[in-house]
PDB file of N, CA and C in Angstrom:
ATOM      1  N   MET A   1      -3.585  57.624  38.473  1.00  0.00           N
ATOM      2  CA  MET A   1      -3.019  56.295  38.582  1.00  0.00           C
ATOM      3  C   MET A   1      -1.692  56.424  39.329  1.00  0.00           C
ATOM      4  N   SER A   2      -1.563  55.616  40.339  1.00  0.00           N
ATOM      5  CA  SER A   2      -0.360  55.694  41.160  1.00  0.00           C
ATOM      6  C   SER A   2       0.767  54.899  40.513  1.00  0.00           C
ATOM      7  N   ASN A   3       1.939  55.108  41.029  1.00  0.00           N
ATOM      8  CA  ASN A   3       3.112  54.381  40.518  1.00  0.00           C
ATOM      9  C   ASN A   3       2.956  52.877  40.708  1.00  0.00           C
ATOM     10  N   TYR A   4       2.351  52.483  41.807  1.00  0.00           N
ATOM     11  CA  TYR A   4       2.173  51.059  42.090  1.00  0.00           C
ATOM     12  C   TYR A   4       1.239  50.432  41.055  1.00  0.00           C
ATOM     13  N   GLU A   5       0.144  51.123  40.743  1.00  0.00           N
ATOM     14  CA  GLU A   5      -0.813  50.591  39.767  1.00  0.00           C
ATOM     15  C   GLU A   5      -0.159  50.507  38.385  1.00  0.00           C
ATOM     16  N   ALA A   6       0.631  51.512  38.049  1.00  0.00           N
ATOM     17  CA  ALA A   6       1.332  51.486  36.760  1.00  0.00           C
ATOM     18  C   ALA A   6       2.341  50.349  36.721  1.00  0.00           C
ATOM     19  N   PHE A   7       3.041  50.146  37.821  1.00  0.00           N
ATOM     20  CA  PHE A   7       4.005  49.041  37.910  1.00  0.00           C
ATOM     21  C   PHE A   7       3.297  47.702  37.758  1.00  0.00           C
ATOM     22  N   ARG A   8       2.146  47.533  38.405  1.00  0.00           N
ATOM     23  CA  ARG A   8       1.405  46.262  38.319  1.00  0.00           C
ATOM     24  C   ARG A   8       0.916  46.027  36.880  1.00  0.00           C
ATOM     25  N   LYS A   9       0.502  47.101  36.225  1.00  0.00           N
ATOM     26  CA  LYS A   9       0.030  46.982  34.849  1.00  0.00           C
ATOM     27  C   LYS A   9       1.167  46.540  33.928  1.00  0.00           C
ATOM     28  N   VAL A  10       2.327  47.170  34.076  1.00  0.00           N
ATOM     29  CA  VAL A  10       3.501  46.785  33.278  1.00  0.00           C
ATOM     30  C   VAL A  10       3.915  45.366  33.613  1.00  0.00           C
ATOM     31  N   GLN A  11       3.845  44.995  34.880  1.00  0.00           N
ATOM     32  CA  GLN A  11       4.213  43.636  35.320  1.00  0.00           C
ATOM     33  C   GLN A  11       3.298  42.601  34.657  1.00  0.00           C
ATOM     34  N   LYS A  12       1.992  42.881  34.593  1.00  0.00           N
ATOM     35  CA  LYS A  12       1.050  41.954  33.953  1.00  0.00           C
ATOM     36  C   LYS A  12       1.348  41.821  32.457  1.00  0.00           C
ATOM     37  N   ILE A  13       1.638  42.959  31.820  1.00  0.00           N
ATOM     38  CA  ILE A  13       1.949  42.934  30.384  1.00  0.00           C
ATOM     39  C   ILE A  13       3.200  42.099  30.121  1.00  0.00           C
ATOM     40  N   VAL A  14       4.211  42.271  30.941  1.00  0.00           N
ATOM     41  CA  VAL A  14       5.448  41.508  30.793  1.00  0.00           C
ATOM     42  C   VAL A  14       5.193  40.024  31.021  1.00  0.00           C
ATOM     43  N   MET A  15       4.397  39.684  32.023  1.00  0.00           N
ATOM     44  CA  MET A  15       4.098  38.265  32.310  1.00  0.00           C
ATOM     45  C   MET A  15       3.332  37.619  31.153  1.00  0.00           C
ATOM     46  N   PHE A  16       2.315  38.312  30.656  1.00  0.00           N
ATOM     47  CA  PHE A  16       1.557  37.773  29.527  1.00  0.00           C
ATOM     48  C   PHE A  16       2.442  37.629  28.287  1.00  0.00           C
ATOM     49  N   SER A  17       3.327  38.584  28.086  1.00  0.00           N
ATOM     50  CA  SER A  17       4.246  38.509  26.950  1.00  0.00           C
ATOM     51  C   SER A  17       5.182  37.318  27.086  1.00  0.00           C
ATOM     52  N   LEU A  18       5.703  37.080  28.289  1.00  0.00           N
ATOM     53  CA  LEU A  18       6.601  35.943  28.517  1.00  0.00           C
ATOM     54  C   LEU A  18       5.874  34.616  28.318  1.00  0.00           C
ATOM     55  N   VAL A  19       4.661  34.541  28.825  1.00  0.00           N
ATOM     56  CA  VAL A  19       3.869  33.311  28.656  1.00  0.00           C
ATOM     57  C   VAL A  19       3.586  33.088  27.164  1.00  0.00           C
ATOM     58  N   GLY A  20       3.212  34.160  26.467  1.00  0.00           N
ATOM     59  CA  GLY A  20       2.958  34.045  25.024  1.00  0.00           C
ATOM     60  C   GLY A  20       4.204  33.617  24.270  1.00  0.00           C
ATOM     61  N   PHE A  21       5.347  34.202  24.619  1.00  0.00           N
ATOM     62  CA  PHE A  21       6.607  33.816  23.987  1.00  0.00           C
ATOM     63  C   PHE A  21       6.933  32.354  24.263  1.00  0.00           C
ATOM     64  N   ALA A  22       6.712  31.908  25.480  1.00  0.00           N
ATOM     65  CA  ALA A  22       6.989  30.511  25.837  1.00  0.00           C
ATOM     66  C   ALA A  22       6.105  29.568  25.015  1.00  0.00           C
ATOM     67  N   ILE A  23       4.841  29.937  24.865  1.00  0.00           N
ATOM     68  CA  ILE A  23       3.933  29.087  24.081  1.00  0.00           C
ATOM     69  C   ILE A  23       4.383  29.034  22.626  1.00  0.00           C
ATOM     70  N   VAL A  24       4.721  30.164  22.052  1.00  0.00           N
ATOM     71  CA  VAL A  24       5.193  30.208  20.657  1.00  0.00           C
ATOM     72  C   VAL A  24       6.482  29.409  20.518  1.00  0.00           C
ATOM     73  N   PHE A  25       7.379  29.510  21.484  1.00  0.00           N
ATOM     74  CA  PHE A  25       8.643  28.776  21.452  1.00  0.00           C
ATOM     75  C   PHE A  25       8.408  27.266  21.493  1.00  0.00           C
ATOM     76  N   VAL A  26       7.516  26.810  22.357  1.00  0.00           N
ATOM     77  CA  VAL A  26       7.215  25.370  22.468  1.00  0.00           C
ATOM     78  C   VAL A  26       6.578  24.867  21.173  1.00  0.00           C
ATOM     79  N   VAL A  27       5.660  25.642  20.608  1.00  0.00           N
ATOM     80  CA  VAL A  27       5.016  25.238  19.353  1.00  0.00           C
ATOM     81  C   VAL A  27       6.049  25.160  18.228  1.00  0.00           C
ATOM     82  N   ALA A  28       6.974  26.114  18.185  1.00  0.00           N
ATOM     83  CA  ALA A  28       8.015  26.100  17.152  1.00  0.00           C
ATOM     84  C   ALA A  28       8.915  24.875  17.298  1.00  0.00           C
ATOM     85  N   ILE A  29       9.313  24.547  18.517  1.00  0.00           N
ATOM     86  CA  ILE A  29      10.158  23.362  18.750  1.00  0.00           C
ATOM     87  C   ILE A  29       9.423  22.097  18.322  1.00  0.00           C
ATOM     88  N   CYS A  30       8.156  21.990  18.690  1.00  0.00           N
ATOM     89  CA  CYS A  30       7.372  20.811  18.286  1.00  0.00           C
ATOM     90  C   CYS A  30       7.260  20.720  16.763  1.00  0.00           C
ATOM     91  N   SER A  31       7.104  21.862  16.119  1.00  0.00           N
ATOM     92  CA  SER A  31       7.013  21.873  14.655  1.00  0.00           C
ATOM     93  C   SER A  31       8.314  21.408  14.016  1.00  0.00           C
ATOM     94  N   PHE A  32       9.438  21.858  14.553  1.00  0.00           N
ATOM     95  CA  PHE A  32      10.733  21.421  14.021  1.00  0.00           C
ATOM     96  C   PHE A  32      10.946  19.929  14.221  1.00  0.00           C
ATOM     97  N   ILE A  33      10.522  19.410  15.364  1.00  0.00           N
ATOM     98  CA  ILE A  33      10.647  17.967  15.623  1.00  0.00           C
ATOM     99  C   ILE A  33       9.781  17.190  14.640  1.00  0.00           C
ATOM    100  N   SER A  34       8.542  17.649  14.451  1.00  0.00           N
ATOM    101  CA  SER A  34       7.647  16.976  13.498  1.00  0.00           C
ATOM    102  C   SER A  34       8.199  17.035  12.084  1.00  0.00           C
ATOM    103  N   LEU A  35       8.774  18.167  11.714  1.00  0.00           N
ATOM    104  CA  LEU A  35       9.363  18.308  10.378  1.00  0.00           C
ATOM    105  C   LEU A  35      10.530  17.334  10.200  1.00  0.00           C
ATOM    106  N   GLY A  36      11.359  17.182  11.225  1.00  0.00           N
ATOM    107  CA  GLY A  36      12.476  16.233  11.153  1.00  0.00           C
ATOM    108  C   GLY A  36      11.987  14.808  10.984  1.00  0.00           C
ATOM    109  N   ASN A  37      10.929  14.448  11.727  1.00  0.00           N
ATOM    110  CA  ASN A  37      10.360  13.105  11.595  1.00  0.00           C
ATOM    111  C   ASN A  37       9.780  12.887  10.209  1.00  0.00           C
ATOM    112  N   ALA A  38       9.109  13.904   9.681  1.00  0.00           N
ATOM    113  CA  ALA A  38       8.520  13.797   8.343  1.00  0.00           C
ATOM    114  C   ALA A  38       9.605  13.639   7.287  1.00  0.00           C
ATOM    115  N   ARG A  39      10.699  14.378   7.423  1.00  0.00           N
ATOM    116  CA  ARG A  39      11.798  14.247   6.466  1.00  0.00           C
ATOM    117  C   ARG A  39      12.424  12.868   6.531  1.00  0.00           C
ATOM    118  N   ARG A  40      12.575  12.327   7.735  1.00  0.00           N
ATOM    119  CA  ARG A  40      13.150  10.992   7.888  1.00  0.00           C
ATOM    120  C   ARG A  40      12.246   9.945   7.251  1.00  0.00           C
ATOM    121  N   LYS A  41      10.930  10.066   7.487  1.00  0.00           N
ATOM    122  CA  LYS A  41       9.992   9.126   6.875  1.00  0.00           C
ATOM    123  C   LYS A  41      10.019   9.257   5.355  1.00  0.00           C
ATOM    124  N   SER A  42      10.098  10.478   4.870  1.00  0.00           N
ATOM    125  CA  SER A  42      10.146  10.709   3.428  1.00  0.00           C
ATOM    126  C   SER A  42      11.383  10.056   2.818  1.00  0.00           C
ATOM    127  N   ALA A  43      12.517  10.181   3.497  1.00  0.00           N
ATOM    128  CA  ALA A  43      13.753   9.557   3.000  1.00  0.00           C
ATOM    129  C   ALA A  43      13.609   8.039   2.980  1.00  0.00           C
ATOM    130  N   ASN A  44      12.981   7.486   4.018  1.00  0.00           N
ATOM    131  CA  ASN A  44      12.769   6.035   4.059  1.00  0.00           C
ATOM    132  C   ASN A  44      11.857   5.587   2.918  1.00  0.00           C
ATOM    133  N   TYR A  45      10.793   6.360   2.671  1.00  0.00           N
ATOM    134  CA  TYR A  45       9.882   6.008   1.581  1.00  0.00           C
ATOM    135  C   TYR A  45      10.567   6.139   0.226  1.00  0.00           C
ATOM    136  N   ASP A  46      11.406   7.149   0.063  1.00  0.00           N
ATOM    137  CA  ASP A  46      12.147   7.304  -1.191  1.00  0.00           C
ATOM    138  C   ASP A  46      13.058   6.102  -1.435  1.00  0.00           C
ATOM    139  N   ALA A  47      13.732   5.640  -0.379  1.00  0.00           N
ATOM    140  CA  ALA A  47      14.601   4.466  -0.504  1.00  0.00           C
ATOM    141  C   ALA A  47      13.774   3.229  -0.839  1.00  0.00           C
ATOM    142  N   LEU A  48      12.613   3.099  -0.215  1.00  0.00           N
ATOM    143  CA  LEU A  48      11.742   1.959  -0.494  1.00  0.00           C
ATOM    144  C   LEU A  48      11.239   1.993  -1.932  1.00  0.00           C
ATOM    145  N   ILE A  49      10.865   3.171  -2.407  1.00  0.00           N
ATOM    146  CA  ILE A  49      10.397   3.310  -3.793  1.00  0.00           C
ATOM    147  C   ILE A  49      11.505   2.928  -4.768  1.00  0.00           C
ATOM    148  N   THR A  50      12.716   3.395  -4.511  1.00  0.00           N
ATOM    149  CA  THR A  50      13.847   3.059  -5.385  1.00  0.00           C
ATOM    150  C   THR A  50      14.085   1.555  -5.403  1.00  0.00           C
ATOM    151  N   SER A  51      14.032   0.937  -4.234  1.00  0.00           N
ATOM    152  CA  SER A  51      14.232  -0.511  -4.142  1.00  0.00           C
ATOM    153  C   SER A  51      13.140  -1.267  -4.897  1.00  0.00           C
ATOM    154  N   LEU A  52      11.905  -0.833  -4.730  1.00  0.00           N
ATOM    155  CA  LEU A  52      10.802  -1.509  -5.416  1.00  0.00           C
ATOM    156  C   LEU A  52      10.854  -1.300  -6.927  1.00  0.00           C
ATOM    157  N   GLN A  53      11.297  -0.129  -7.371  1.00  0.00           N
ATOM    158  CA  GLN A  53      11.438   0.104  -8.809  1.00  0.00           C
ATOM    159  C   GLN A  53      12.514  -0.812  -9.395  1.00  0.00           C
ATOM    160  N   LYS A  54      13.607  -0.999  -8.668  1.00  0.00           N
ATOM    161  CA  LYS A  54      14.665  -1.910  -9.127  1.00  0.00           C
ATOM    162  C   LYS A  54      14.143  -3.335  -9.191  1.00  0.00           C
ATOM    163  N   GLN A  55      13.408  -3.744  -8.152  1.00  0.00           N
ATOM    164  CA  GLN A  55      12.842  -5.086  -8.120  1.00  0.00           C
ATOM    165  C   GLN A  55      11.847  -5.280  -9.265  1.00  0.00           C
ATOM    166  N   GLU A  56      11.037  -4.247  -9.551  1.00  0.00           N
ATOM    167  CA  GLU A  56      10.082  -4.325 -10.646  1.00  0.00           C
ATOM    168  C   GLU A  56      10.797  -4.510 -11.983  1.00  0.00           C
ATOM    169  N   ALA A  57      11.892  -3.786 -12.192  1.00  0.00           N
ATOM    170  CA  ALA A  57      12.650  -3.906 -13.439  1.00  0.00           C
ATOM    171  C   ALA A  57      13.231  -5.314 -13.580  1.00  0.00           C
ATOM    172  N   GLU A  58      13.737  -5.862 -12.468  1.00  0.00           N
ATOM    173  CA  GLU A  58      14.285  -7.223 -12.517  1.00  0.00           C
ATOM    174  C   GLU A  58      13.194  -8.240 -12.830  1.00  0.00           C
ATOM    175  N   LEU A  59      12.018  -8.064 -12.226  1.00  0.00           N
ATOM    176  CA  LEU A  59      10.917  -8.994 -12.485  1.00  0.00           C
ATOM    177  C   LEU A  59      10.425  -8.901 -13.931  1.00  0.00           C
ATOM    178  N   LYS A  60      10.359  -7.682 -14.462  1.00  0.00           N
ATOM    179  CA  LYS A  60       9.949  -7.526 -15.860  1.00  0.00           C
ATOM    180  C   LYS A  60      10.946  -8.193 -16.795  1.00  0.00           C
ATOM    181  N   ALA A  61      12.233  -8.040 -16.495  1.00  0.00           N
ATOM    182  CA  ALA A  61      13.254  -8.691 -17.324  1.00  0.00           C
ATOM    183  C   ALA A  61      13.112 -10.205 -17.226  1.00  0.00           C
ATOM    184  N   GLY A  62      12.820 -10.711 -16.040  1.00  0.00           N
ATOM    185  CA  GLY A  62      12.627 -12.151 -15.862  1.00  0.00           C
ATOM    186  C   GLY A  62      11.416 -12.659 -16.619  1.00  0.00           C
ATOM    187  N   VAL A  63      10.346 -11.895 -16.607  1.00  0.00           N
ATOM    188  CA  VAL A  63       9.130 -12.290 -17.336  1.00  0.00           C
ATOM    189  C   VAL A  63       9.405 -12.310 -18.834  1.00  0.00           C
ATOM    190  N   GLU A  64      10.127 -11.315 -19.317  1.00  0.00           N
ATOM    191  CA  GLU A  64      10.462 -11.293 -20.740  1.00  0.00           C
ATOM    192  C   GLU A  64      11.323 -12.491 -21.110  1.00  0.00           C
ATOM    193  N   ASN A  65      12.257 -12.861 -20.253  1.00  0.00           N
ATOM    194  CA  ASN A  65      13.121 -14.016 -20.514  1.00  0.00           C
ATOM    195  C   ASN A  65      12.304 -15.300 -20.511  1.00  0.00           C
ATOM    196  N   VAL A  66      11.437 -15.455 -19.531  1.00  0.00           N
ATOM    197  CA  VAL A  66      10.654 -16.689 -19.400  1.00  0.00           C
ATOM    198  C   VAL A  66       9.669 -16.838 -20.552  1.00  0.00           C
ATOM    199  N   SER A  67       9.167 -15.740 -21.064  1.00  0.00           N
ATOM    200  CA  SER A  67       8.179 -15.841 -22.135  1.00  0.00           C
ATOM    201  C   SER A  67       8.815 -15.853 -23.527  1.00  0.00           C
ATOM    202  N   SER A  68      10.139 -15.858 -23.604  1.00  0.00           N
ATOM    203  CA  SER A  68      10.790 -15.878 -24.921  1.00  0.00           C
ATOM    204  C   SER A  68      10.676 -17.285 -25.525  1.00  0.00           C
ATOM    205  N   PRO A  69      10.602 -17.372 -26.845  1.00  0.00           N
ATOM    206  CA  PRO A  69      10.501 -18.674 -27.512  1.00  0.00           C
ATOM    207  C   PRO A  69      11.697 -19.583 -27.212  1.00  0.00           C
ATOM    208  N   ALA A  70      12.887 -19.018 -27.094  1.00  0.00           N
ATOM    209  CA  ALA A  70      14.072 -19.835 -26.818  1.00  0.00           C
ATOM    210  C   ALA A  70      13.967 -20.494 -25.443  1.00  0.00           C
ATOM    211  N   TYR A  71      13.491 -19.755 -24.446  1.00  0.00           N
ATOM    212  CA  TYR A  71      13.356 -20.317 -23.101  1.00  0.00           C
ATOM    213  C   TYR A  71      12.282 -21.411 -23.094  1.00  0.00           C
ATOM    214  N   LEU A  72      11.173 -21.124 -23.752  1.00  0.00           N
ATOM    215  CA  LEU A  72      10.103 -22.126 -23.790  1.00  0.00           C
ATOM    216  C   LEU A  72      10.572 -23.400 -24.488  1.00  0.00           C
ATOM    217  N   GLU A  73      11.332 -23.268 -25.571  1.00  0.00           N
ATOM    218  CA  GLU A  73      11.847 -24.450 -26.270  1.00  0.00           C
ATOM    219  C   GLU A  73      12.804 -25.231 -25.372  1.00  0.00           C
ATOM    220  N   GLU A  74      13.677 -24.506 -24.678  1.00  0.00           N
ATOM    221  CA  GLU A  74      14.625 -25.169 -23.778  1.00  0.00           C
ATOM    222  C   GLU A  74      13.899 -25.949 -22.683  1.00  0.00           C
ATOM    223  N   GLN A  75      12.864 -25.347 -22.107  1.00  0.00           N
ATOM    224  CA  GLN A  75      12.109 -26.032 -21.055  1.00  0.00           C
ATOM    225  C   GLN A  75      11.360 -27.244 -21.613  1.00  0.00           C
ATOM    226  N   ALA A  76      10.794 -27.103 -22.803  1.00  0.00           N
ATOM    227  CA  ALA A  76      10.077 -28.220 -23.416  1.00  0.00           C
ATOM    228  C   ALA A  76      11.016 -29.388 -23.667  1.00  0.00           C
ATOM    229  N   ARG A  77      12.243 -29.101 -24.095  1.00  0.00           N
ATOM    230  CA  ARG A  77      13.212 -30.166 -24.349  1.00  0.00           C
ATOM    231  C   ARG A  77      13.722 -30.794 -23.048  1.00  0.00           C
ATOM    232  N   ASN A  78      14.149 -29.944 -22.109  1.00  0.00           N
ATOM    233  CA  ASN A  78      14.792 -30.447 -20.893  1.00  0.00           C
ATOM    234  C   ASN A  78      13.804 -31.035 -19.883  1.00  0.00           C
ATOM    235  N   GLN A  79      12.686 -30.379 -19.679  1.00  0.00           N
ATOM    236  CA  GLN A  79      11.754 -30.821 -18.640  1.00  0.00           C
ATOM    237  C   GLN A  79      10.781 -31.892 -19.127  1.00  0.00           C
ATOM    238  N   TYR A  80      10.391 -31.791 -20.396  1.00  0.00           N
ATOM    239  CA  TYR A  80       9.335 -32.675 -20.879  1.00  0.00           C
ATOM    240  C   TYR A  80       9.787 -33.617 -21.993  1.00  0.00           C
ATOM    241  N   GLY A  81      11.050 -33.546 -22.391  1.00  0.00           N
ATOM    242  CA  GLY A  81      11.576 -34.457 -23.407  1.00  0.00           C
ATOM    243  C   GLY A  81      10.923 -34.285 -24.772  1.00  0.00           C
ATOM    244  N   MET A  82      10.450 -33.113 -25.067  1.00  0.00           N
ATOM    245  CA  MET A  82       9.773 -32.890 -26.346  1.00  0.00           C
ATOM    246  C   MET A  82      10.801 -32.669 -27.456  1.00  0.00           C
ATOM    247  N   LEU A  83      10.393 -33.006 -28.675  1.00  0.00           N
ATOM    248  CA  LEU A  83      11.242 -32.854 -29.850  1.00  0.00           C
ATOM    249  C   LEU A  83      10.548 -31.983 -30.879  1.00  0.00           C
ATOM    250  N   LYS A  84      11.371 -31.379 -31.739  1.00  0.00           N
ATOM    251  CA  LYS A  84      10.804 -30.648 -32.860  1.00  0.00           C
ATOM    252  C   LYS A  84      10.401 -31.649 -33.937  1.00  0.00           C
ATOM    253  N   GLU A  85       9.520 -31.192 -34.788  1.00  0.00           N
ATOM    254  CA  GLU A  85       9.081 -32.048 -35.878  1.00  0.00           C
ATOM    255  C   GLU A  85      10.287 -32.388 -36.761  1.00  0.00           C
ATOM    256  N   GLY A  86      10.464 -33.675 -37.060  1.00  0.00           N
ATOM    257  CA  GLY A  86      11.564 -34.129 -37.900  1.00  0.00           C
ATOM    258  C   GLY A  86      12.784 -34.562 -37.103  1.00  0.00           C
ATOM    259  N   GLU A  87      12.835 -34.321 -35.800  1.00  0.00           N
ATOM    260  CA  GLU A  87      13.979 -34.753 -34.989  1.00  0.00           C
ATOM    261  C   GLU A  87      13.756 -36.187 -34.524  1.00  0.00           C
ATOM    262  N   THR A  88      14.863 -36.858 -34.296  1.00  0.00           N
ATOM    263  CA  THR A  88      14.807 -38.239 -33.822  1.00  0.00           C
ATOM    264  C   THR A  88      15.506 -38.312 -32.476  1.00  0.00           C
ATOM    265  N   LEU A  89      14.913 -39.031 -31.552  1.00  0.00           N
ATOM    266  CA  LEU A  89      15.480 -39.195 -30.217  1.00  0.00           C
ATOM    267  C   LEU A  89      16.224 -40.521 -30.169  1.00  0.00           C
ATOM    268  N   TYR A  90      17.478 -40.451 -29.783  1.00  0.00           N
ATOM    269  CA  TYR A  90      18.279 -41.661 -29.607  1.00  0.00           C
ATOM    270  C   TYR A  90      18.562 -41.806 -28.129  1.00  0.00           C
ATOM    271  N   ILE A  91      18.336 -43.012 -27.619  1.00  0.00           N
ATOM    272  CA  ILE A  91      18.615 -43.300 -26.227  1.00  0.00           C
ATOM    273  C   ILE A  91      19.719 -44.349 -26.186  1.00  0.00           C
ATOM    274  N   TYR A  92      20.824 -44.012 -25.567  1.00  0.00           N
ATOM    275  CA  TYR A  92      21.944 -44.929 -25.462  1.00  0.00           C
ATOM    276  C   TYR A  92      21.910 -45.557 -24.083  1.00  0.00           C
ATOM    277  N   THR A  93      22.062 -46.855 -24.058  1.00  0.00           N
ATOM    278  CA  THR A  93      22.142 -47.558 -22.783  1.00  0.00           C
ATOM    279  C   THR A  93      23.507 -48.238 -22.695  1.00  0.00           C
ATOM    280  N   ASN A  94      23.958 -48.388 -21.531  1.00  0.00           N
ATOM    281  CA  ASN A  94      25.245 -49.026 -21.287  1.00  0.00           C
ATOM    282  C   ASN A  94      25.007 -50.520 -21.126  1.00  0.00           C
ATOM    283  N   GLN A  95      25.296 -51.297 -22.185  1.00  0.00           N
ATOM    284  CA  GLN A  95      25.102 -52.746 -22.132  1.00  0.00           C
ATOM    285  C   GLN A  95      26.429 -53.437 -21.929  1.00  0.00           C
ATOM    286  N   GLN A  96      26.440 -54.361 -21.024  1.00  0.00           N
ATOM    287  CA  GLN A  96      27.685 -55.088 -20.747  1.00  0.00           C
ATOM    288  C   GLN A  96      27.517 -56.552 -20.945  1.00  0.00           C
TER     289      GLN A  96
END
């Protein structure tokens, strides 16, 4: 094997190694970019979950308030003019 053939063989090995390194480097960069996007989406979803959990707690508290006997009695009196048994309704009019 001549020096030229040995040089060409080493040259091919170096070229293939550089191409392989470039491919691995590009794949690694793409992976890091994808990982960053995934982390950002995860953070957004975590914030959304926290917000929805807070909203759920507020709605549950509202449902408990609305279904309480005191609230129902207040609505029956104010909205529908209902009275408890034994109560008397007096209506005052301004007569001149």
